[in-house]
Amino acid sequence: MSHKNPFEIRTEMLQMAKDYMDQQYQMNIQLANDLYEQGQKTAEEVKDAYQIYSVEDMMNKAKEMYSFVSKKD
């Protein structure tokens, strides 16, 4: 078992959060495009789906993931 220092753990949490947010972003774009093709979304709504997440959003997701890891129960 490897022992990681806090910086390595934080780096992994940030990478996991980024991967998660990237995947969510891609799925949102695909869904918006599919709904647009079906006539259920407007071009403006699809444009809104292309807004990338912020660094703050990614940091919040990393904190959420880390809180699970740091629970003592």
PDB file of N, CA and C in Angstrom:
ATOM      1  N   MET A   1       0.844  -1.176   0.000  1.00  0.00           N
ATOM      2  CA  MET A   1       0.000   0.000   0.000  1.00  0.00           C
ATOM      3  C   MET A   1       0.889   1.238   0.000  1.00  0.00           C
ATOM      4  N   SER A   2       0.622   2.145  -0.895  1.00  0.00           N
ATOM      5  CA  SER A   2       1.436   3.355  -0.952  1.00  0.00           C
ATOM      6  C   SER A   2       0.865   4.420  -0.023  1.00  0.00           C
ATOM      7  N   HIS A   3       1.745   5.177   0.550  1.00  0.00           N
ATOM      8  CA  HIS A   3       1.339   6.260   1.435  1.00  0.00           C
ATOM      9  C   HIS A   3       1.539   7.558   0.669  1.00  0.00           C
ATOM     10  N   LYS A   4       0.457   8.274   0.479  1.00  0.00           N
ATOM     11  CA  LYS A   4       0.511   9.508  -0.296  1.00  0.00           C
ATOM     12  C   LYS A   4       0.484  10.697   0.644  1.00  0.00           C
ATOM     13  N   ASN A   5       1.206  11.717   0.249  1.00  0.00           N
ATOM     14  CA  ASN A   5       1.180  12.922   1.055  1.00  0.00           C
ATOM     15  C   ASN A   5      -0.068  13.734   0.697  1.00  0.00           C
ATOM     16  N   PRO A   6      -0.410  14.728   1.493  1.00  0.00           N
ATOM     17  CA  PRO A   6      -1.639  15.500   1.251  1.00  0.00           C
ATOM     18  C   PRO A   6      -1.688  16.158  -0.122  1.00  0.00           C
ATOM     19  N   PHE A   7      -0.546  16.572  -0.643  1.00  0.00           N
ATOM     20  CA  PHE A   7      -0.531  17.206  -1.956  1.00  0.00           C
ATOM     21  C   PHE A   7      -0.884  16.216  -3.060  1.00  0.00           C
ATOM     22  N   GLU A   8      -0.397  14.999  -2.929  1.00  0.00           N
ATOM     23  CA  GLU A   8      -0.728  13.965  -3.915  1.00  0.00           C
ATOM     24  C   GLU A   8      -2.209  13.614  -3.856  1.00  0.00           C
ATOM     25  N   ILE A   9      -2.749  13.561  -2.664  1.00  0.00           N
ATOM     26  CA  ILE A   9      -4.177  13.263  -2.505  1.00  0.00           C
ATOM     27  C   ILE A   9      -5.009  14.383  -3.114  1.00  0.00           C
ATOM     28  N   ARG A  10      -4.634  15.614  -2.845  1.00  0.00           N
ATOM     29  CA  ARG A  10      -5.375  16.758  -3.415  1.00  0.00           C
ATOM     30  C   ARG A  10      -5.295  16.740  -4.939  1.00  0.00           C
ATOM     31  N   THR A  11      -4.118  16.435  -5.453  1.00  0.00           N
ATOM     32  CA  THR A  11      -3.953  16.375  -6.905  1.00  0.00           C
ATOM     33  C   THR A  11      -4.861  15.315  -7.510  1.00  0.00           C
ATOM     34  N   GLU A  12      -4.929  14.164  -6.878  1.00  0.00           N
ATOM     35  CA  GLU A  12      -5.803  13.096  -7.364  1.00  0.00           C
ATOM     36  C   GLU A  12      -7.270  13.508  -7.286  1.00  0.00           C
ATOM     37  N   MET A  13      -7.662  14.172  -6.200  1.00  0.00           N
ATOM     38  CA  MET A  13      -9.054  14.615  -6.053  1.00  0.00           C
ATOM     39  C   MET A  13      -9.405  15.636  -7.124  1.00  0.00           C
ATOM     40  N   LEU A  14      -8.486  16.562  -7.399  1.00  0.00           N
ATOM     41  CA  LEU A  14      -8.731  17.554  -8.450  1.00  0.00           C
ATOM     42  C   LEU A  14      -8.834  16.880  -9.817  1.00  0.00           C
ATOM     43  N   GLN A  15      -7.984  15.894 -10.080  1.00  0.00           N
ATOM     44  CA  GLN A  15      -8.041  15.188 -11.361  1.00  0.00           C
ATOM     45  C   GLN A  15      -9.352  14.417 -11.491  1.00  0.00           C
ATOM     46  N   MET A  16      -9.764  13.774 -10.412  1.00  0.00           N
ATOM     47  CA  MET A  16     -11.034  13.043 -10.444  1.00  0.00           C
ATOM     48  C   MET A  16     -12.197  14.002 -10.669  1.00  0.00           C
ATOM     49  N   ALA A  17     -12.172  15.150 -10.002  1.00  0.00           N
ATOM     50  CA  ALA A  17     -13.237  16.138 -10.174  1.00  0.00           C
ATOM     51  C   ALA A  17     -13.247  16.664 -11.607  1.00  0.00           C
ATOM     52  N   LYS A  18     -12.063  16.937 -12.155  1.00  0.00           N
ATOM     53  CA  LYS A  18     -11.984  17.426 -13.537  1.00  0.00           C
ATOM     54  C   LYS A  18     -12.512  16.381 -14.506  1.00  0.00           C
ATOM     55  N   ASP A  19     -12.112  15.137 -14.322  1.00  0.00           N
ATOM     56  CA  ASP A  19     -12.604  14.069 -15.192  1.00  0.00           C
ATOM     57  C   ASP A  19     -14.120  13.961 -15.118  1.00  0.00           C
ATOM     58  N   TYR A  20     -14.653  14.032 -13.909  1.00  0.00           N
ATOM     59  CA  TYR A  20     -16.097  13.958 -13.712  1.00  0.00           C
ATOM     60  C   TYR A  20     -16.797  15.133 -14.407  1.00  0.00           C
ATOM     61  N   MET A  21     -16.275  16.342 -14.194  1.00  0.00           N
ATOM     62  CA  MET A  21     -16.887  17.529 -14.787  1.00  0.00           C
ATOM     63  C   MET A  21     -16.784  17.504 -16.314  1.00  0.00           C
ATOM     64  N   ASP A  22     -15.656  17.030 -16.842  1.00  0.00           N
ATOM     65  CA  ASP A  22     -15.499  16.903 -18.298  1.00  0.00           C
ATOM     66  C   ASP A  22     -16.531  15.934 -18.869  1.00  0.00           C
ATOM     67  N   GLN A  23     -16.717  14.810 -18.193  1.00  0.00           N
ATOM     68  CA  GLN A  23     -17.677  13.818 -18.666  1.00  0.00           C
ATOM     69  C   GLN A  23     -19.103  14.379 -18.606  1.00  0.00           C
ATOM     70  N   GLN A  24     -19.436  15.078 -17.520  1.00  0.00           N
ATOM     71  CA  GLN A  24     -20.758  15.698 -17.399  1.00  0.00           C
ATOM     72  C   GLN A  24     -20.977  16.711 -18.515  1.00  0.00           C
ATOM     73  N   TYR A  25     -19.954  17.503 -18.796  1.00  0.00           N
ATOM     74  CA  TYR A  25     -20.025  18.519 -19.839  1.00  0.00           C
ATOM     75  C   TYR A  25     -20.310  17.876 -21.201  1.00  0.00           C
ATOM     76  N   GLN A  26     -19.567  16.823 -21.512  1.00  0.00           N
ATOM     77  CA  GLN A  26     -19.771  16.133 -22.793  1.00  0.00           C
ATOM     78  C   GLN A  26     -21.170  15.524 -22.894  1.00  0.00           C
ATOM     79  N   MET A  27     -21.648  14.951 -21.806  1.00  0.00           N
ATOM     80  CA  MET A  27     -22.991  14.359 -21.809  1.00  0.00           C
ATOM     81  C   MET A  27     -24.057  15.448 -21.964  1.00  0.00           C
ATOM     82  N   ASN A  28     -23.867  16.601 -21.322  1.00  0.00           N
ATOM     83  CA  ASN A  28     -24.821  17.706 -21.448  1.00  0.00           C
ATOM     84  C   ASN A  28     -24.875  18.227 -22.873  1.00  0.00           C
ATOM     85  N   ILE A  29     -23.722  18.343 -23.504  1.00  0.00           N
ATOM     86  CA  ILE A  29     -23.683  18.803 -24.895  1.00  0.00           C
ATOM     87  C   ILE A  29     -24.392  17.807 -25.802  1.00  0.00           C
ATOM     88  N   GLN A  30     -24.095  16.532 -25.615  1.00  0.00           N
ATOM     89  CA  GLN A  30     -24.726  15.510 -26.453  1.00  0.00           C
ATOM     90  C   GLN A  30     -26.236  15.522 -26.287  1.00  0.00           C
ATOM     91  N   LEU A  31     -26.704  15.615 -25.046  1.00  0.00           N
ATOM     92  CA  LEU A  31     -28.144  15.653 -24.790  1.00  0.00           C
ATOM     93  C   LEU A  31     -28.770  16.889 -25.402  1.00  0.00           C
ATOM     94  N   ALA A  32     -28.148  18.042 -25.237  1.00  0.00           N
ATOM     95  CA  ALA A  32     -28.689  19.280 -25.804  1.00  0.00           C
ATOM     96  C   ALA A  32     -28.766  19.191 -27.321  1.00  0.00           C
ATOM     97  N   ASN A  33     -27.720  18.669 -27.947  1.00  0.00           N
ATOM     98  CA  ASN A  33     -27.729  18.514 -29.410  1.00  0.00           C
ATOM     99  C   ASN A  33     -28.817  17.547 -29.867  1.00  0.00           C
ATOM    100  N   ASP A  34     -28.966  16.444 -29.158  1.00  0.00           N
ATOM    101  CA  ASP A  34     -30.009  15.473 -29.508  1.00  0.00           C
ATOM    102  C   ASP A  34     -31.400  16.095 -29.383  1.00  0.00           C
ATOM    103  N   LEU A  35     -31.626  16.826 -28.302  1.00  0.00           N
ATOM    104  CA  LEU A  35     -32.930  17.459 -28.100  1.00  0.00           C
ATOM    105  C   LEU A  35     -33.172  18.553 -29.131  1.00  0.00           C
ATOM    106  N   TYR A  36     -32.127  19.252 -29.538  1.00  0.00           N
ATOM    107  CA  TYR A  36     -32.266  20.275 -30.583  1.00  0.00           C
ATOM    108  C   TYR A  36     -32.679  19.628 -31.904  1.00  0.00           C
ATOM    109  N   GLU A  37     -32.033  18.513 -32.229  1.00  0.00           N
ATOM    110  CA  GLU A  37     -32.368  17.806 -33.474  1.00  0.00           C
ATOM    111  C   GLU A  37     -33.805  17.301 -33.454  1.00  0.00           C
ATOM    112  N   GLN A  38     -34.317  16.978 -32.279  1.00  0.00           N
ATOM    113  CA  GLN A  38     -35.694  16.507 -32.146  1.00  0.00           C
ATOM    114  C   GLN A  38     -36.683  17.666 -32.032  1.00  0.00           C
ATOM    115  N   GLY A  39     -36.177  18.899 -32.027  1.00  0.00           N
ATOM    116  CA  GLY A  39     -37.041  20.070 -31.938  1.00  0.00           C
ATOM    117  C   GLY A  39     -37.507  20.384 -30.527  1.00  0.00           C
ATOM    118  N   GLN A  40     -36.871  19.807 -29.524  1.00  0.00           N
ATOM    119  CA  GLN A  40     -37.294  20.042 -28.150  1.00  0.00           C
ATOM    120  C   GLN A  40     -36.463  21.114 -27.447  1.00  0.00           C
ATOM    121  N   LYS A  41     -35.401  21.569 -28.087  1.00  0.00           N
ATOM    122  CA  LYS A  41     -34.568  22.644 -27.531  1.00  0.00           C
ATOM    123  C   LYS A  41     -34.320  23.676 -28.611  1.00  0.00           C
ATOM    124  N   THR A  42     -34.188  24.935 -28.172  1.00  0.00           N
ATOM    125  CA  THR A  42     -33.875  26.009 -29.103  1.00  0.00           C
ATOM    126  C   THR A  42     -32.366  26.133 -29.256  1.00  0.00           C
ATOM    127  N   ALA A  43     -31.945  26.869 -30.268  1.00  0.00           N
ATOM    128  CA  ALA A  43     -30.518  27.094 -30.477  1.00  0.00           C
ATOM    129  C   ALA A  43     -29.913  27.817 -29.275  1.00  0.00           C
ATOM    130  N   GLU A  44     -30.659  28.713 -28.666  1.00  0.00           N
ATOM    131  CA  GLU A  44     -30.176  29.441 -27.487  1.00  0.00           C
ATOM    132  C   GLU A  44     -29.950  28.487 -26.312  1.00  0.00           C
ATOM    133  N   GLU A  45     -30.844  27.539 -26.123  1.00  0.00           N
ATOM    134  CA  GLU A  45     -30.690  26.567 -25.042  1.00  0.00           C
ATOM    135  C   GLU A  45     -29.476  25.670 -25.284  1.00  0.00           C
ATOM    136  N   VAL A  46     -29.236  25.315 -26.541  1.00  0.00           N
ATOM    137  CA  VAL A  46     -28.069  24.495 -26.882  1.00  0.00           C
ATOM    138  C   VAL A  46     -26.800  25.304 -26.633  1.00  0.00           C
ATOM    139  N   LYS A  47     -26.826  26.579 -27.003  1.00  0.00           N
ATOM    140  CA  LYS A  47     -25.672  27.453 -26.761  1.00  0.00           C
ATOM    141  C   LYS A  47     -25.349  27.506 -25.274  1.00  0.00           C
ATOM    142  N   ASP A  48     -26.373  27.584 -24.438  1.00  0.00           N
ATOM    143  CA  ASP A  48     -26.157  27.601 -22.986  1.00  0.00           C
ATOM    144  C   ASP A  48     -25.498  26.314 -22.502  1.00  0.00           C
ATOM    145  N   ALA A  49     -25.801  25.197 -23.131  1.00  0.00           N
ATOM    146  CA  ALA A  49     -25.217  23.914 -22.735  1.00  0.00           C
ATOM    147  C   ALA A  49     -23.711  23.876 -23.013  1.00  0.00           C
ATOM    148  N   TYR A  50     -23.247  24.709 -23.932  1.00  0.00           N
ATOM    149  CA  TYR A  50     -21.825  24.737 -24.275  1.00  0.00           C
ATOM    150  C   TYR A  50     -20.990  25.559 -23.295  1.00  0.00           C
ATOM    151  N   GLN A  51     -21.631  26.177 -22.308  1.00  0.00           N
ATOM    152  CA  GLN A  51     -20.891  26.910 -21.284  1.00  0.00           C
ATOM    153  C   GLN A  51     -20.119  25.900 -20.436  1.00  0.00           C
ATOM    154  N   ILE A  52     -18.814  26.047 -20.420  1.00  0.00           N
ATOM    155  CA  ILE A  52     -17.965  25.122 -19.664  1.00  0.00           C
ATOM    156  C   ILE A  52     -18.071  25.442 -18.172  1.00  0.00           C
ATOM    157  N   TYR A  53     -17.820  24.469 -17.359  1.00  0.00           N
ATOM    158  CA  TYR A  53     -17.860  24.661 -15.917  1.00  0.00           C
ATOM    159  C   TYR A  53     -16.726  25.588 -15.481  1.00  0.00           C
ATOM    160  N   SER A  54     -16.913  26.203 -14.332  1.00  0.00           N
ATOM    161  CA  SER A  54     -15.890  27.115 -13.815  1.00  0.00           C
ATOM    162  C   SER A  54     -14.905  26.354 -12.929  1.00  0.00           C
ATOM    163  N   VAL A  55     -13.791  26.990 -12.649  1.00  0.00           N
ATOM    164  CA  VAL A  55     -12.809  26.416 -11.731  1.00  0.00           C
ATOM    165  C   VAL A  55     -13.458  26.246 -10.356  1.00  0.00           C
ATOM    166  N   GLU A  56     -14.295  27.200  -9.984  1.00  0.00           N
ATOM    167  CA  GLU A  56     -14.992  27.111  -8.695  1.00  0.00           C
ATOM    168  C   GLU A  56     -15.894  25.880  -8.652  1.00  0.00           C
ATOM    169  N   ASP A  57     -16.602  25.600  -9.743  1.00  0.00           N
ATOM    170  CA  ASP A  57     -17.436  24.400  -9.812  1.00  0.00           C
ATOM    171  C   ASP A  57     -16.589  23.136  -9.636  1.00  0.00           C
ATOM    172  N   MET A  58     -15.434  23.117 -10.303  1.00  0.00           N
ATOM    173  CA  MET A  58     -14.554  21.955 -10.206  1.00  0.00           C
ATOM    174  C   MET A  58     -14.014  21.806  -8.781  1.00  0.00           C
ATOM    175  N   MET A  59     -13.646  22.917  -8.160  1.00  0.00           N
ATOM    176  CA  MET A  59     -13.133  22.867  -6.786  1.00  0.00           C
ATOM    177  C   MET A  59     -14.219  22.376  -5.824  1.00  0.00           C
ATOM    178  N   ASN A  60     -15.441  22.818  -6.024  1.00  0.00           N
ATOM    179  CA  ASN A  60     -16.543  22.357  -5.172  1.00  0.00           C
ATOM    180  C   ASN A  60     -16.767  20.856  -5.327  1.00  0.00           C
ATOM    181  N   LYS A  61     -16.661  20.361  -6.554  1.00  0.00           N
ATOM    182  CA  LYS A  61     -16.818  18.924  -6.783  1.00  0.00           C
ATOM    183  C   LYS A  61     -15.668  18.159  -6.117  1.00  0.00           C
ATOM    184  N   ALA A  62     -14.454  18.686  -6.196  1.00  0.00           N
ATOM    185  CA  ALA A  62     -13.308  18.038  -5.548  1.00  0.00           C
ATOM    186  C   ALA A  62     -13.499  18.013  -4.032  1.00  0.00           C
ATOM    187  N   LYS A  63     -13.994  19.097  -3.469  1.00  0.00           N
ATOM    188  CA  LYS A  63     -14.248  19.142  -2.026  1.00  0.00           C
ATOM    189  C   LYS A  63     -15.310  18.127  -1.640  1.00  0.00           C
ATOM    190  N   GLU A  64     -16.332  18.022  -2.471  1.00  0.00           N
ATOM    191  CA  GLU A  64     -17.392  17.035  -2.216  1.00  0.00           C
ATOM    192  C   GLU A  64     -16.822  15.618  -2.234  1.00  0.00           C
ATOM    193  N   MET A  65     -15.989  15.329  -3.215  1.00  0.00           N
ATOM    194  CA  MET A  65     -15.382  14.003  -3.311  1.00  0.00           C
ATOM    195  C   MET A  65     -14.438  13.752  -2.134  1.00  0.00           C
ATOM    196  N   TYR A  66     -13.674  14.760  -1.752  1.00  0.00           N
ATOM    197  CA  TYR A  66     -12.740  14.602  -0.650  1.00  0.00           C
ATOM    198  C   TYR A  66     -13.463  14.413   0.678  1.00  0.00           C
ATOM    199  N   SER A  67     -14.608  15.058   0.833  1.00  0.00           N
ATOM    200  CA  SER A  67     -15.346  14.912   2.087  1.00  0.00           C
ATOM    201  C   SER A  67     -15.769  13.459   2.296  1.00  0.00           C
ATOM    202  N   PHE A  68     -16.057  12.759   1.223  1.00  0.00           N
ATOM    203  CA  PHE A  68     -16.385  11.335   1.302  1.00  0.00           C
ATOM    204  C   PHE A  68     -15.176  10.543   1.804  1.00  0.00           C
ATOM    205  N   VAL A  69     -14.014  10.870   1.294  1.00  0.00           N
ATOM    206  CA  VAL A  69     -12.788  10.170   1.650  1.00  0.00           C
ATOM    207  C   VAL A  69     -12.422  10.427   3.117  1.00  0.00           C
ATOM    208  N   SER A  70     -12.632  11.653   3.564  1.00  0.00           N
ATOM    209  CA  SER A  70     -12.168  12.037   4.902  1.00  0.00           C
ATOM    210  C   SER A  70     -13.158  11.713   6.009  1.00  0.00           C
ATOM    211  N   LYS A  71     -14.329  11.149   5.674  1.00  0.00           N
ATOM    212  CA  LYS A  71     -15.291  10.759   6.715  1.00  0.00           C
ATOM    213  C   LYS A  71     -14.681   9.710   7.616  1.00  0.00           C
ATOM    214  N   LYS A  72     -15.042   9.770   8.863  1.00  0.00           N
ATOM    215  CA  LYS A  72     -14.478   8.827   9.844  1.00  0.00           C
ATOM    216  C   LYS A  72     -15.428   7.673  10.191  1.00  0.00           C
ATOM    217  N   ASP A  73     -16.528   7.540   9.482  1.00  0.00           N
ATOM    218  CA  ASP A  73     -17.487   6.471   9.827  1.00  0.00           C
ATOM    219  C   ASP A  73     -17.385   5.280   8.930  1.00  0.00           C
TER     220      ASP A  73
END
